[in-house]
């Protein structure tokens, strides 16, 4: 079932600029944005999990250690 939504002229212009080709629909543009967000979230979750594992394993440097190593 299709539905109609209202968007401001500013948002419509932004969506037009995000089109990958001239005939791409706003729905396709929005789906691409949603998919990009989902991929980023999944990737970010993996990176957070890895960072937590590294910290737990002692694989990190303190701020003072970094400053000393860089001669600051």
Protein backbone atom coordinates (compact mmCIF):
# COMPACT_ATOMS: atom_id res chain seq x y z
CA UNK A 1 0.00 0.00 0.00
CA UNK A 2 1.49 3.30 -1.05
CA UNK A 3 1.07 6.44 0.98
CA UNK A 4 1.83 10.10 0.45
CA UNK A 5 4.04 12.14 2.75
CA UNK A 6 4.68 15.84 2.86
CA UNK A 7 8.21 17.19 2.88
CA UNK A 8 9.47 20.73 2.85
CA UNK A 9 10.92 22.24 -0.30
CA UNK A 10 14.32 22.24 1.41
CA UNK A 11 14.15 18.49 2.08
CA UNK A 12 12.88 17.82 -1.46
CA UNK A 13 15.87 19.73 -2.85
CA UNK A 14 18.23 17.79 -0.58
CA UNK A 15 16.73 14.49 -1.74
CA UNK A 16 17.08 15.59 -5.38
CA UNK A 17 20.79 16.27 -4.81
CA UNK A 18 21.23 12.77 -3.35
CA UNK A 19 19.85 11.03 -6.42
CA UNK A 20 22.31 8.72 -8.08
CA UNK A 21 20.54 9.08 -11.43
CA UNK A 22 17.88 11.45 -12.80
CA UNK A 23 14.88 9.10 -12.66
CA UNK A 24 15.64 7.75 -9.17
CA UNK A 25 12.55 8.06 -6.96
CA UNK A 26 12.53 9.71 -3.56
CA UNK A 27 11.66 6.32 -2.10
CA UNK A 28 14.84 4.83 -3.53
CA UNK A 29 16.88 7.73 -2.18
CA UNK A 30 15.36 7.29 1.28
CA UNK A 31 15.90 3.50 1.25
CA UNK A 32 19.57 4.08 0.36
CA UNK A 33 19.93 6.44 3.31
CA UNK A 34 18.26 3.94 5.65
CA UNK A 35 20.50 1.11 4.43
CA UNK A 36 23.62 3.25 4.87
CA UNK A 37 22.61 4.02 8.44
CA UNK A 38 22.01 0.36 9.23
CA UNK A 39 25.41 -0.62 7.83
CA UNK A 40 27.16 2.07 9.84
CA UNK A 41 25.44 0.95 13.01
CA UNK A 42 26.41 -2.69 12.49
CA UNK A 43 30.01 -1.71 11.75
CA UNK A 44 30.15 0.63 14.74
CA UNK A 45 28.85 -2.13 17.03
CA UNK A 46 31.64 -4.46 15.86
CA UNK A 47 34.25 -1.77 16.48
CA UNK A 48 32.93 -1.08 19.98
CA UNK A 49 33.00 -4.80 20.79
CA UNK A 50 36.59 -5.03 19.52
CA UNK A 51 37.64 -1.96 21.52
CA UNK A 52 36.14 -3.42 24.69
CA UNK A 53 37.97 -6.69 24.11
CA UNK A 54 41.24 -4.81 23.54
CA UNK A 55 40.80 -2.83 26.75
CA UNK A 56 39.97 -5.97 28.70
CA UNK A 57 43.13 -7.60 27.30
CA UNK A 58 45.23 -4.58 28.30
CA UNK A 59 45.87 -3.51 24.69
CA UNK A 60 45.68 0.23 25.15
CA UNK A 61 47.74 3.29 26.03
CA UNK A 62 46.81 5.93 28.57
CA UNK A 63 46.70 9.57 27.59
CA UNK A 64 49.89 10.21 29.56
CA UNK A 65 51.68 7.33 27.81
CA UNK A 66 50.73 8.72 24.39
CA UNK A 67 51.86 12.23 25.32
CA UNK A 68 55.19 10.89 26.60
CA UNK A 69 55.71 8.78 23.49
CA UNK A 70 55.03 11.81 21.28
CA UNK A 71 57.32 14.01 23.34
CA UNK A 72 54.58 16.30 24.53
